[in-house]
Amino acid sequence: MPRGAYSTNRREWLGLGLAAAMTPLLPAGARAKVLAYPLAPVSIAPGVWTLYGANEPITAGNGGAIANVTILDTADGAVLIDAGPSHRYGEALKAVAEELTRKPVVRVYLTHYHADHVLGATAFDSGVVAAGKDLTEDLKRYGNDLTGGMYHVAGDWMRGTGVPEPGRLAAEGVETVGGRRFRTLRLSGHTREDLCLFEESSGLLFPGDLVFLDRAATTPDANLPAWRTSLDALSGIDHALLVPGHGPVEAGRRGIDQTRRWLDAVESQIGDGFERGLDITELMGVPLPPWTDGIAVARYEYARSVMHLLPRLEEERLPLLASR
């Protein structure tokens, strides 16, 4: 099995498995109810609305709706940045977008390969779904495992959800849709490919999960040096508002700076624990820096990062013992 396939699937199952272990079972009555996502669009600019995700892990209670999704009105129709965690969410998203704009959805940009951002794309015609080359390939290779993991954690919320098949290539450059100019950058670090979009007419910056704000960043597929390079690139974009993958929409660089600080803290803490010879359980129990007290799910995501990053560190630095 290729190393990339093993590491991606293993990390997804590790992270989703932790979510399942920490999720209480829903009462029988709750499971019997018809499930519906309570989508509440918030206007962030003229003709632009963000649906905020819950600052929580993925659970059977929230149906995986933990990521931000944004709707932009254009002369040709609605443009979406990400599509949510399930077919059910995607259907609700389509209805909200059409109600807000009074137009059909003409483009759905997928920022990266994580279930909470992409699986809702199955509710849209593949011809309007745009993704980068690497994301499209990853969905073909590992999409069934990604979807299966979500069914395991979120249960009936996932009914009808398959693997998205983007029909449009999101290449580096500028695409004009209904009078809005979307500059796309194919970055990386949070995943193998992170699509960042900058809408030039409004100054809105959409970095996907390269930026988290007031919510701990996730690292199941992270390459930390590449992530920092991408944050440097984002810092150079003069934007009016930044819409993080998770957390509040704000002007300025706070999300970029806070994400970098979190990555530095996690890497430093795990590296220090490795040098001290701590095992994975001991390292999970190490106190976090006081400044993280205001960061949502910090302890939970730190534990996941230990599971993701410590084995890599051990693989890189521990000597191999020759077998007889």
C-alpha atoms as a PDB file:
ATOM      1  CA  MET A   1       0.000   0.000   0.000  1.00  0.00           C
ATOM      2  CA  PRO A   2       1.423   3.455  -0.887  1.00  0.00           C
ATOM      3  CA  ARG A   3       2.612   5.405   2.134  1.00  0.00           C
ATOM      4  CA  GLY A   4       0.306   8.328   1.332  1.00  0.00           C
ATOM      5  CA  ALA A   5      -2.738   6.093   1.216  1.00  0.00           C
ATOM      6  CA  TYR A   6      -1.890   4.475   4.541  1.00  0.00           C
ATOM      7  CA  SER A   7      -1.098   7.717   6.335  1.00  0.00           C
ATOM      8  CA  THR A   8      -4.156   9.568   5.064  1.00  0.00           C
ATOM      9  CA  ASN A   9      -6.622   6.833   5.937  1.00  0.00           C
ATOM     10  CA  ARG A  10      -4.963   6.079   9.265  1.00  0.00           C
ATOM     11  CA  ARG A  11      -5.019   9.718  10.304  1.00  0.00           C
ATOM     12  CA  GLU A  12      -8.630  10.180   9.295  1.00  0.00           C
ATOM     13  CA  TRP A  13      -9.673   7.109  11.292  1.00  0.00           C
ATOM     14  CA  LEU A  14      -7.564   8.160  14.274  1.00  0.00           C
ATOM     15  CA  GLY A  15      -9.172  11.579  14.371  1.00  0.00           C
ATOM     16  CA  LEU A  16     -12.695  10.412  13.696  1.00  0.00           C
ATOM     17  CA  GLY A  17     -12.229   7.517  16.108  1.00  0.00           C
ATOM     18  CA  LEU A  18     -11.334   9.922  18.894  1.00  0.00           C
ATOM     19  CA  ALA A  19     -14.452  11.930  18.068  1.00  0.00           C
ATOM     20  CA  ALA A  20     -16.564   8.797  18.275  1.00  0.00           C
ATOM     21  CA  ALA A  21     -15.027   7.807  21.589  1.00  0.00           C
ATOM     22  CA  MET A  22     -15.760  11.216  23.071  1.00  0.00           C
ATOM     23  CA  THR A  23     -19.314  11.486  21.686  1.00  0.00           C
ATOM     24  CA  PRO A  24     -22.178  10.443  23.967  1.00  0.00           C
ATOM     25  CA  LEU A  25     -24.834   8.232  22.429  1.00  0.00           C
ATOM     26  CA  LEU A  26     -27.969  10.107  21.446  1.00  0.00           C
ATOM     27  CA  PRO A  27     -31.184   9.113  23.246  1.00  0.00           C
ATOM     28  CA  ALA A  28     -33.404   6.812  21.223  1.00  0.00           C
ATOM     29  CA  GLY A  29     -35.987   9.559  20.821  1.00  0.00           C
ATOM     30  CA  ALA A  30     -33.391  11.947  19.417  1.00  0.00           C
ATOM     31  CA  ARG A  31     -32.233   9.362  16.890  1.00  0.00           C
ATOM     32  CA  ALA A  32     -35.806   8.903  15.700  1.00  0.00           C
ATOM     33  CA  LYS A  33     -36.300  12.576  14.877  1.00  0.00           C
ATOM     34  CA  VAL A  34     -35.985  13.861  11.319  1.00  0.00           C
ATOM     35  CA  LEU A  35     -32.522  15.382  11.110  1.00  0.00           C
ATOM     36  CA  ALA A  36     -32.200  18.923   9.764  1.00  0.00           C
ATOM     37  CA  TYR A  37     -29.239  21.297   9.826  1.00  0.00           C
ATOM     38  CA  PRO A  38     -30.176  24.671  11.397  1.00  0.00           C
ATOM     39  CA  LEU A  39     -28.448  26.851   8.790  1.00  0.00           C
ATOM     40  CA  ALA A  40     -28.312  30.505   9.823  1.00  0.00           C
ATOM     41  CA  PRO A  41     -26.567  32.722   7.237  1.00  0.00           C
ATOM     42  CA  VAL A  42     -24.843  35.835   8.594  1.00  0.00           C
ATOM     43  CA  SER A  43     -24.273  38.805   6.267  1.00  0.00           C
ATOM     44  CA  ILE A  44     -20.571  39.715   6.246  1.00  0.00           C
ATOM     45  CA  ALA A  45     -20.502  42.018   3.181  1.00  0.00           C
ATOM     46  CA  PRO A  46     -22.953  43.156   0.482  1.00  0.00           C
ATOM     47  CA  GLY A  47     -24.263  40.027  -1.198  1.00  0.00           C
ATOM     48  CA  VAL A  48     -22.115  37.713   0.947  1.00  0.00           C
ATOM     49  CA  TRP A  49     -23.230  35.423   3.790  1.00  0.00           C
ATOM     50  CA  THR A  50     -21.301  33.008   5.992  1.00  0.00           C
ATOM     51  CA  LEU A  51     -22.770  29.932   7.647  1.00  0.00           C
ATOM     52  CA  TYR A  52     -20.691  29.447  10.785  1.00  0.00           C
ATOM     53  CA  GLY A  53     -19.724  25.942  11.831  1.00  0.00           C
ATOM     54  CA  ALA A  54     -19.950  24.786  15.427  1.00  0.00           C
ATOM     55  CA  ASN A  55     -16.742  25.178  17.442  1.00  0.00           C
ATOM     56  CA  GLU A  56     -16.832  21.498  18.322  1.00  0.00           C
ATOM     57  CA  PRO A  57     -15.421  18.177  17.180  1.00  0.00           C
ATOM     58  CA  ILE A  58     -17.457  16.216  14.634  1.00  0.00           C
ATOM     59  CA  THR A  59     -20.189  14.376  16.543  1.00  0.00           C
ATOM     60  CA  ALA A  60     -23.508  12.636  16.017  1.00  0.00           C
ATOM     61  CA  GLY A  61     -25.072  15.711  17.608  1.00  0.00           C
ATOM     62  CA  ASN A  62     -23.836  18.303  15.097  1.00  0.00           C
ATOM     63  CA  GLY A  63     -23.788  16.071  12.016  1.00  0.00           C
ATOM     64  CA  GLY A  64     -20.277  17.239  11.167  1.00  0.00           C
ATOM     65  CA  ALA A  65     -21.367  20.848  10.530  1.00  0.00           C
ATOM     66  CA  ILE A  66     -18.287  22.394  12.119  1.00  0.00           C
ATOM     67  CA  ALA A  67     -16.765  24.293   9.169  1.00  0.00           C
ATOM     68  CA  ASN A  68     -17.576  27.731   7.809  1.00  0.00           C
ATOM     69  CA  VAL A  69     -19.310  27.854   4.420  1.00  0.00           C
ATOM     70  CA  THR A  70     -19.816  31.103   2.500  1.00  0.00           C
ATOM     71  CA  ILE A  71     -22.381  32.110  -0.145  1.00  0.00           C
ATOM     72  CA  LEU A  72     -21.628  34.935  -2.596  1.00  0.00           C
ATOM     73  CA  ASP A  73     -24.230  36.489  -4.873  1.00  0.00           C
ATOM     74  CA  THR A  74     -23.106  37.204  -8.439  1.00  0.00           C
ATOM     75  CA  ALA A  75     -24.843  38.335 -11.616  1.00  0.00           C
ATOM     76  CA  ASP A  76     -24.800  34.750 -12.906  1.00  0.00           C
ATOM     77  CA  GLY A  77     -25.781  32.937  -9.718  1.00  0.00           C
ATOM     78  CA  ALA A  78     -24.600  31.869  -6.291  1.00  0.00           C
ATOM     79  CA  VAL A  79     -20.973  30.940  -5.628  1.00  0.00           C
ATOM     80  CA  LEU A  80     -20.171  28.752  -2.624  1.00  0.00           C
ATOM     81  CA  ILE A  81     -16.901  28.389  -0.761  1.00  0.00           C
ATOM     82  CA  ASP A  82     -17.002  24.768   0.482  1.00  0.00           C
ATOM     83  CA  ALA A  83     -20.062  22.563   0.774  1.00  0.00           C
ATOM     84  CA  GLY A  84     -20.300  21.109   4.287  1.00  0.00           C
ATOM     85  CA  PRO A  85     -20.102  17.549   5.634  1.00  0.00           C
ATOM     86  CA  SER A  86     -22.934  15.568   4.040  1.00  0.00           C
ATOM     87  CA  HIS A  87     -25.400  15.289   1.177  1.00  0.00           C
ATOM     88  CA  ARG A  88     -28.146  16.382   3.569  1.00  0.00           C
ATOM     89  CA  TYR A  89     -26.168  19.522   4.434  1.00  0.00           C
ATOM     90  CA  GLY A  90     -25.494  20.201   0.756  1.00  0.00           C
ATOM     91  CA  GLU A  91     -29.191  20.050  -0.082  1.00  0.00           C
ATOM     92  CA  ALA A  92     -30.001  22.498   2.729  1.00  0.00           C
ATOM     93  CA  LEU A  93     -27.136  24.744   1.621  1.00  0.00           C
ATOM     94  CA  LYS A  94     -28.402  24.801  -1.958  1.00  0.00           C
ATOM     95  CA  ALA A  95     -31.878  25.814  -0.779  1.00  0.00           C
ATOM     96  CA  VAL A  96     -30.504  28.629   1.407  1.00  0.00           C
ATOM     97  CA  ALA A  97     -28.224  29.915  -1.381  1.00  0.00           C
ATOM     98  CA  GLU A  98     -31.051  29.981  -3.909  1.00  0.00           C
ATOM     99  CA  GLU A  99     -33.369  31.712  -1.438  1.00  0.00           C
ATOM    100  CA  LEU A 100     -30.792  34.401  -0.589  1.00  0.00           C
ATOM    101  CA  THR A 101     -29.695  35.137  -4.157  1.00  0.00           C
ATOM    102  CA  ARG A 102     -32.861  34.230  -6.091  1.00  0.00           C
ATOM    103  CA  LYS A 103     -30.518  32.456  -8.510  1.00  0.00           C
ATOM    104  CA  PRO A 104     -29.146  28.942  -9.019  1.00  0.00           C
ATOM    105  CA  VAL A 105     -25.776  27.830  -7.672  1.00  0.00           C
ATOM    106  CA  VAL A 106     -23.234  28.207 -10.475  1.00  0.00           C
ATOM    107  CA  ARG A 107     -19.988  27.396  -8.660  1.00  0.00           C
ATOM    108  CA  VAL A 108     -18.908  25.419  -5.601  1.00  0.00           C
ATOM    109  CA  TYR A 109     -15.211  25.788  -4.737  1.00  0.00           C
ATOM    110  CA  LEU A 110     -13.786  23.036  -2.522  1.00  0.00           C
ATOM    111  CA  THR A 111     -10.808  24.189  -0.509  1.00  0.00           C
ATOM    112  CA  HIS A 112      -9.298  20.906   0.728  1.00  0.00           C
ATOM    113  CA  TYR A 113      -9.705  17.211   1.443  1.00  0.00           C
ATOM    114  CA  HIS A 114     -11.524  17.070   4.755  1.00  0.00           C
ATOM    115  CA  ALA A 115     -15.004  15.673   5.241  1.00  0.00           C
ATOM    116  CA  ASP A 116     -16.525  18.712   6.965  1.00  0.00           C
ATOM    117  CA  HIS A 117     -15.765  20.834   3.881  1.00  0.00           C
ATOM    118  CA  VAL A 118     -16.327  18.602   0.857  1.00  0.00           C
ATOM    119  CA  LEU A 119     -18.919  15.842   1.262  1.00  0.00           C
ATOM    120  CA  GLY A 120     -21.890  18.195   0.822  1.00  0.00           C
ATOM    121  CA  ALA A 121     -20.754  18.692  -2.775  1.00  0.00           C
ATOM    122  CA  THR A 122     -22.639  15.501  -3.712  1.00  0.00           C
ATOM    123  CA  ALA A 123     -25.832  17.592  -3.629  1.00  0.00           C
ATOM    124  CA  PHE A 124     -24.636  19.656  -6.617  1.00  0.00           C
ATOM    125  CA  ASP A 125     -24.143  18.888 -10.283  1.00  0.00           C
ATOM    126  CA  SER A 126     -20.483  17.957 -10.755  1.00  0.00           C
ATOM    127  CA  GLY A 127     -20.172  20.547 -13.514  1.00  0.00           C
ATOM    128  CA  VAL A 128     -20.387  23.409 -11.016  1.00  0.00           C
ATOM    129  CA  VAL A 129     -18.011  21.845  -8.450  1.00  0.00           C
ATOM    130  CA  ALA A 130     -14.429  23.111  -8.729  1.00  0.00           C
ATOM    131  CA  ALA A 131     -11.390  21.635  -6.990  1.00  0.00           C
ATOM    132  CA  GLY A 132      -7.646  21.540  -7.419  1.00  0.00           C
ATOM    133  CA  LYS A 133      -5.896  18.677  -9.183  1.00  0.00           C
ATOM    134  CA  ASP A 134      -4.557  17.037  -6.014  1.00  0.00           C
ATOM    135  CA  LEU A 135      -7.859  17.265  -4.146  1.00  0.00           C
ATOM    136  CA  THR A 136      -9.699  15.714  -7.080  1.00  0.00           C
ATOM    137  CA  GLU A 137      -7.188  12.854  -7.157  1.00  0.00           C
ATOM    138  CA  ASP A 138      -7.404  12.332  -3.389  1.00  0.00           C
ATOM    139  CA  LEU A 139     -11.197  12.108  -3.528  1.00  0.00           C
ATOM    140  CA  LYS A 140     -10.934   9.390  -6.185  1.00  0.00           C
ATOM    141  CA  ARG A 141      -8.341   7.413  -4.226  1.00  0.00           C
ATOM    142  CA  TYR A 142      -9.492   7.807  -0.627  1.00  0.00           C
ATOM    143  CA  GLY A 143     -13.012   9.229  -0.785  1.00  0.00           C
ATOM    144  CA  ASN A 144     -14.742   5.991   0.200  1.00  0.00           C
ATOM    145  CA  ASP A 145     -12.619   5.748   3.365  1.00  0.00           C
ATOM    146  CA  LEU A 146     -13.295   9.397   4.196  1.00  0.00           C
ATOM    147  CA  THR A 147     -17.039   8.945   3.743  1.00  0.00           C
ATOM    148  CA  GLY A 148     -17.059   5.671   5.672  1.00  0.00           C
ATOM    149  CA  GLY A 149     -15.377   7.336   8.630  1.00  0.00           C
ATOM    150  CA  MET A 150     -18.043  10.025   8.688  1.00  0.00           C
ATOM    151  CA  TYR A 151     -20.865   7.473   8.571  1.00  0.00           C
ATOM    152  CA  HIS A 152     -19.250   5.819  11.596  1.00  0.00           C
ATOM    153  CA  VAL A 153     -19.192   9.041  13.638  1.00  0.00           C
ATOM    154  CA  ALA A 154     -22.166  11.076  12.392  1.00  0.00           C
ATOM    155  CA  GLY A 155     -24.556   8.235  11.615  1.00  0.00           C
ATOM    156  CA  ASP A 156     -27.868   9.050   9.924  1.00  0.00           C
ATOM    157  CA  TRP A 157     -26.819  12.619   9.133  1.00  0.00           C
ATOM    158  CA  MET A 158     -24.759  11.051   6.345  1.00  0.00           C
ATOM    159  CA  ARG A 159     -27.610   9.229   4.613  1.00  0.00           C
ATOM    160  CA  GLY A 160     -27.290   9.563   0.830  1.00  0.00           C
ATOM    161  CA  THR A 161     -23.731  10.895   0.990  1.00  0.00           C
ATOM    162  CA  GLY A 162     -21.262   9.525  -1.515  1.00  0.00           C
ATOM    163  CA  VAL A 163     -17.916  10.722  -2.831  1.00  0.00           C
ATOM    164  CA  PRO A 164     -17.882  14.100  -4.636  1.00  0.00           C
ATOM    165  CA  GLU A 165     -16.655  14.133  -8.221  1.00  0.00           C
ATOM    166  CA  PRO A 166     -15.556  17.698  -9.068  1.00  0.00           C
ATOM    167  CA  GLY A 167     -16.146  18.426 -12.731  1.00  0.00           C
ATOM    168  CA  ARG A 168     -14.124  21.641 -12.925  1.00  0.00           C
ATOM    169  CA  LEU A 169     -10.420  22.177 -12.340  1.00  0.00           C
ATOM    170  CA  ALA A 170      -9.561  25.057 -10.018  1.00  0.00           C
ATOM    171  CA  ALA A 171      -6.235  26.127 -11.477  1.00  0.00           C
ATOM    172  CA  GLU A 172      -3.919  28.881 -10.294  1.00  0.00           C
ATOM    173  CA  GLY A 173      -5.058  32.221 -11.665  1.00  0.00           C
ATOM    174  CA  VAL A 174      -8.212  34.353 -11.899  1.00  0.00           C
ATOM    175  CA  GLU A 175     -11.738  33.181 -12.718  1.00  0.00           C
ATOM    176  CA  THR A 176     -14.524  35.698 -13.198  1.00  0.00           C
ATOM    177  CA  VAL A 177     -17.991  34.513 -12.206  1.00  0.00           C
ATOM    178  CA  GLY A 178     -20.920  36.892 -12.625  1.00  0.00           C
ATOM    179  CA  GLY A 179     -18.756  39.989 -12.199  1.00  0.00           C
ATOM    180  CA  ARG A 180     -16.760  38.728  -9.216  1.00  0.00           C
ATOM    181  CA  ARG A 181     -13.063  38.021  -9.760  1.00  0.00           C
ATOM    182  CA  PHE A 182     -11.787  35.018  -7.813  1.00  0.00           C
ATOM    183  CA  ARG A 183      -8.008  34.769  -7.626  1.00  0.00           C
ATOM    184  CA  THR A 184      -7.065  31.215  -6.727  1.00  0.00           C
ATOM    185  CA  LEU A 185      -3.837  30.073  -5.091  1.00  0.00           C
ATOM    186  CA  ARG A 186      -2.979  26.393  -4.783  1.00  0.00           C
ATOM    187  CA  LEU A 187      -1.196  26.249  -1.439  1.00  0.00           C
ATOM    188  CA  SER A 188      -0.515  23.381   0.975  1.00  0.00           C
ATOM    189  CA  GLY A 189       0.358  22.521   4.555  1.00  0.00           C
ATOM    190  CA  HIS A 190      -2.942  21.804   6.222  1.00  0.00           C
ATOM    191  CA  THR A 191      -3.409  19.126   3.567  1.00  0.00           C
ATOM    192  CA  ARG A 192      -1.588  18.094   0.400  1.00  0.00           C
ATOM    193  CA  GLU A 193      -3.442  20.843  -1.459  1.00  0.00           C
ATOM    194  CA  ASP A 194      -5.187  23.842   0.102  1.00  0.00           C
ATOM    195  CA  LEU A 195      -7.090  26.065  -2.294  1.00  0.00           C
ATOM    196  CA  CYS A 196      -7.134  29.706  -1.203  1.00  0.00           C
ATOM    197  CA  LEU A 197      -9.486  32.190  -2.895  1.00  0.00           C
ATOM    198  CA  PHE A 198      -9.294  35.978  -2.874  1.00  0.00           C
ATOM    199  CA  GLU A 199     -12.368  37.772  -4.230  1.00  0.00           C
ATOM    200  CA  GLU A 200     -10.809  40.911  -5.629  1.00  0.00           C
ATOM    201  CA  SER A 201     -13.924  43.080  -5.969  1.00  0.00           C
ATOM    202  CA  SER A 202     -14.854  42.761  -2.279  1.00  0.00           C
ATOM    203  CA  GLY A 203     -11.412  42.106  -0.754  1.00  0.00           C
ATOM    204  CA  LEU A 204     -12.620  38.892   0.900  1.00  0.00           C
ATOM    205  CA  LEU A 205      -9.945  36.283   1.579  1.00  0.00           C
ATOM    206  CA  PHE A 206     -10.928  32.599   1.873  1.00  0.00           C
ATOM    207  CA  PRO A 207      -7.922  30.545   3.054  1.00  0.00           C
ATOM    208  CA  GLY A 208      -9.881  27.413   3.979  1.00  0.00           C
ATOM    209  CA  ASP A 209      -8.350  25.564   6.908  1.00  0.00           C
ATOM    210  CA  LEU A 210      -4.965  27.175   6.476  1.00  0.00           C
ATOM    211  CA  VAL A 211      -6.419  29.646   8.991  1.00  0.00           C
ATOM    212  CA  PHE A 212      -8.351  28.916  12.192  1.00  0.00           C
ATOM    213  CA  LEU A 213      -9.466  31.651  14.568  1.00  0.00           C
ATOM    214  CA  ASP A 214     -10.348  31.109  18.247  1.00  0.00           C
ATOM    215  CA  ARG A 215     -10.540  27.399  17.436  1.00  0.00           C
ATOM    216  CA  ALA A 216      -7.585  24.997  17.586  1.00  0.00           C
ATOM    217  CA  ALA A 217      -6.200  23.968  14.210  1.00  0.00           C
ATOM    218  CA  THR A 218      -6.416  20.335  13.122  1.00  0.00           C
ATOM    219  CA  THR A 219      -3.342  18.436  11.928  1.00  0.00           C
ATOM    220  CA  PRO A 220      -4.304  14.958  10.592  1.00  0.00           C
ATOM    221  CA  ASP A 221      -2.643  15.605   7.224  1.00  0.00           C
ATOM    222  CA  ALA A 222      -0.401  18.529   8.154  1.00  0.00           C
ATOM    223  CA  ASN A 223       3.011  19.417   6.796  1.00  0.00           C
ATOM    224  CA  LEU A 224       4.019  22.122   9.262  1.00  0.00           C
ATOM    225  CA  PRO A 225       6.869  23.751   7.273  1.00  0.00           C
ATOM    226  CA  ALA A 226       4.646  23.972   4.174  1.00  0.00           C
ATOM    227  CA  TRP A 227       1.799  25.334   6.316  1.00  0.00           C
ATOM    228  CA  ARG A 228       4.011  28.131   7.617  1.00  0.00           C
ATOM    229  CA  THR A 229       5.082  28.974   4.060  1.00  0.00           C
ATOM    230  CA  SER A 230       1.416  29.244   3.078  1.00  0.00           C
ATOM    231  CA  LEU A 231       0.728  31.515   6.046  1.00  0.00           C
ATOM    232  CA  ASP A 232       3.551  33.747   4.811  1.00  0.00           C
ATOM    233  CA  ALA A 233       1.865  33.924   1.411  1.00  0.00           C
ATOM    234  CA  LEU A 234      -1.497  34.779   2.970  1.00  0.00           C
ATOM    235  CA  SER A 235       0.103  37.513   5.060  1.00  0.00           C
ATOM    236  CA  GLY A 236       1.085  39.272   1.847  1.00  0.00           C
ATOM    237  CA  ILE A 237      -2.497  39.570   0.567  1.00  0.00           C
ATOM    238  CA  ASP A 238      -4.063  42.938   1.353  1.00  0.00           C
ATOM    239  CA  HIS A 239      -7.602  41.900   2.296  1.00  0.00           C
ATOM    240  CA  ALA A 240     -10.674  43.603   3.737  1.00  0.00           C
ATOM    241  CA  LEU A 241     -11.984  40.561   5.612  1.00  0.00           C
ATOM    242  CA  LEU A 242     -10.598  37.093   6.231  1.00  0.00           C
ATOM    243  CA  VAL A 243     -13.040  34.177   6.362  1.00  0.00           C
ATOM    244  CA  PRO A 244     -11.252  31.333   8.194  1.00  0.00           C
ATOM    245  CA  GLY A 245     -12.165  27.692   7.735  1.00  0.00           C
ATOM    246  CA  HIS A 246     -13.283  27.724  11.373  1.00  0.00           C
ATOM    247  CA  GLY A 247     -13.986  30.683  13.627  1.00  0.00           C
ATOM    248  CA  PRO A 248     -15.192  34.286  13.267  1.00  0.00           C
ATOM    249  CA  VAL A 249     -14.804  36.464  10.175  1.00  0.00           C
ATOM    250  CA  GLU A 250     -12.521  39.406  10.920  1.00  0.00           C
ATOM    251  CA  ALA A 251     -10.425  42.089   9.313  1.00  0.00           C
ATOM    252  CA  GLY A 252      -6.683  41.934   9.853  1.00  0.00           C
ATOM    253  CA  ARG A 253      -4.173  39.142  10.465  1.00  0.00           C
ATOM    254  CA  ARG A 254      -5.237  37.787  13.846  1.00  0.00           C
ATOM    255  CA  GLY A 255      -6.304  34.447  12.426  1.00  0.00           C
ATOM    256  CA  ILE A 256      -3.066  34.025  10.486  1.00  0.00           C
ATOM    257  CA  ASP A 257      -0.935  34.932  13.496  1.00  0.00           C
ATOM    258  CA  GLN A 258      -2.933  32.794  15.919  1.00  0.00           C
ATOM    259  CA  THR A 259      -2.782  29.752  13.638  1.00  0.00           C
ATOM    260  CA  ARG A 260       0.984  30.085  13.373  1.00  0.00           C
ATOM    261  CA  ARG A 261       1.289  30.445  17.145  1.00  0.00           C
ATOM    262  CA  TRP A 262      -0.788  27.293  17.684  1.00  0.00           C
ATOM    263  CA  LEU A 263       1.316  25.283  15.224  1.00  0.00           C
ATOM    264  CA  ASP A 264       4.514  26.514  16.892  1.00  0.00           C
ATOM    265  CA  ALA A 265       3.202  25.613  20.352  1.00  0.00           C
ATOM    266  CA  VAL A 266       2.052  22.132  19.309  1.00  0.00           C
ATOM    267  CA  GLU A 267       5.284  21.337  17.502  1.00  0.00           C
ATOM    268  CA  SER A 268       7.430  22.638  20.354  1.00  0.00           C
ATOM    269  CA  GLN A 269       5.476  20.781  23.015  1.00  0.00           C
ATOM    270  CA  ILE A 270       5.473  17.482  21.149  1.00  0.00           C
ATOM    271  CA  GLY A 271       9.162  17.844  20.307  1.00  0.00           C
ATOM    272  CA  ASP A 272      10.013  18.555  23.932  1.00  0.00           C
ATOM    273  CA  GLY A 273       7.988  15.566  25.092  1.00  0.00           C
ATOM    274  CA  PHE A 274       9.762  13.330  22.592  1.00  0.00           C
ATOM    275  CA  GLU A 275      13.177  14.461  23.864  1.00  0.00           C
ATOM    276  CA  ARG A 276      12.045  13.772  27.439  1.00  0.00           C
ATOM    277  CA  GLY A 277      10.989  10.259  26.478  1.00  0.00           C
ATOM    278  CA  LEU A 278       7.280  10.733  27.196  1.00  0.00           C
ATOM    279  CA  ASP A 279       4.939   8.164  25.715  1.00  0.00           C
ATOM    280  CA  ILE A 280       1.821   9.178  23.819  1.00  0.00           C
ATOM    281  CA  THR A 281      -0.475   9.091  26.872  1.00  0.00           C
ATOM    282  CA  GLU A 282       1.920  11.105  29.029  1.00  0.00           C
ATOM    283  CA  LEU A 283       2.380  13.684  26.286  1.00  0.00           C
ATOM    284  CA  MET A 284      -1.378  14.129  25.871  1.00  0.00           C
ATOM    285  CA  GLY A 285      -1.588  15.093  29.547  1.00  0.00           C
ATOM    286  CA  VAL A 286       1.046  17.848  29.412  1.00  0.00           C
ATOM    287  CA  PRO A 287      -0.484  21.289  30.247  1.00  0.00           C
ATOM    288  CA  LEU A 288      -1.049  23.660  27.341  1.00  0.00           C
ATOM    289  CA  PRO A 289       0.256  27.261  27.354  1.00  0.00           C
ATOM    290  CA  PRO A 290      -2.071  29.610  29.269  1.00  0.00           C
ATOM    291  CA  TRP A 291      -2.826  31.690  26.158  1.00  0.00           C
ATOM    292  CA  THR A 292      -4.712  28.707  24.687  1.00  0.00           C
ATOM    293  CA  ASP A 293      -7.403  28.913  27.401  1.00  0.00           C
ATOM    294  CA  GLY A 294      -9.522  31.008  25.032  1.00  0.00           C
ATOM    295  CA  ILE A 295      -9.118  28.625  22.088  1.00  0.00           C
ATOM    296  CA  ALA A 296     -12.059  26.285  21.458  1.00  0.00           C
ATOM    297  CA  VAL A 297     -11.379  22.507  21.625  1.00  0.00           C
ATOM    298  CA  ALA A 298      -7.689  23.167  22.343  1.00  0.00           C
ATOM    299  CA  ARG A 299      -7.212  20.109  24.569  1.00  0.00           C
ATOM    300  CA  TYR A 300      -9.092  17.847  22.140  1.00  0.00           C
ATOM    301  CA  GLU A 301      -7.123  18.997  19.079  1.00  0.00           C
ATOM    302  CA  TYR A 302      -3.835  18.890  20.951  1.00  0.00           C
ATOM    303  CA  ALA A 303      -4.515  15.233  21.794  1.00  0.00           C
ATOM    304  CA  ARG A 304      -5.240  14.521  18.133  1.00  0.00           C
ATOM    305  CA  SER A 305      -2.038  16.300  17.124  1.00  0.00           C
ATOM    306  CA  VAL A 306      -0.038  14.128  19.507  1.00  0.00           C
ATOM    307  CA  MET A 307      -1.532  11.069  17.792  1.00  0.00           C
ATOM    308  CA  HIS A 308      -0.713  12.439  14.356  1.00  0.00           C
ATOM    309  CA  LEU A 309       2.674  14.035  14.900  1.00  0.00           C
ATOM    310  CA  LEU A 310       4.458  12.003  17.576  1.00  0.00           C
ATOM    311  CA  PRO A 311       4.585   8.792  15.488  1.00  0.00           C
ATOM    312  CA  ARG A 312       6.085  10.755  12.608  1.00  0.00           C
ATOM    313  CA  LEU A 313       8.696  12.214  14.911  1.00  0.00           C
ATOM    314  CA  GLU A 314       9.551   8.769  16.238  1.00  0.00           C
ATOM    315  CA  GLU A 315       9.818   7.426  12.702  1.00  0.00           C
ATOM    316  CA  GLU A 316      12.185  10.229  11.710  1.00  0.00           C
ATOM    317  CA  ARG A 317      14.427  10.272  14.779  1.00  0.00           C
ATOM    318  CA  LEU A 318      14.482   6.864  16.413  1.00  0.00           C
ATOM    319  CA  PRO A 319      17.128   4.463  15.102  1.00  0.00           C
ATOM    320  CA  LEU A 320      16.042   1.359  13.267  1.00  0.00           C
ATOM    321  CA  LEU A 321      17.091  -1.894  14.961  1.00  0.00           C
ATOM    322  CA  ALA A 322      18.478  -4.502  12.600  1.00  0.00           C
ATOM    323  CA  SER A 323      16.469  -7.722  12.656  1.00  0.00           C
ATOM    324  CA  ARG A 324      18.187 -11.101  12.802  1.00  0.00           C
END
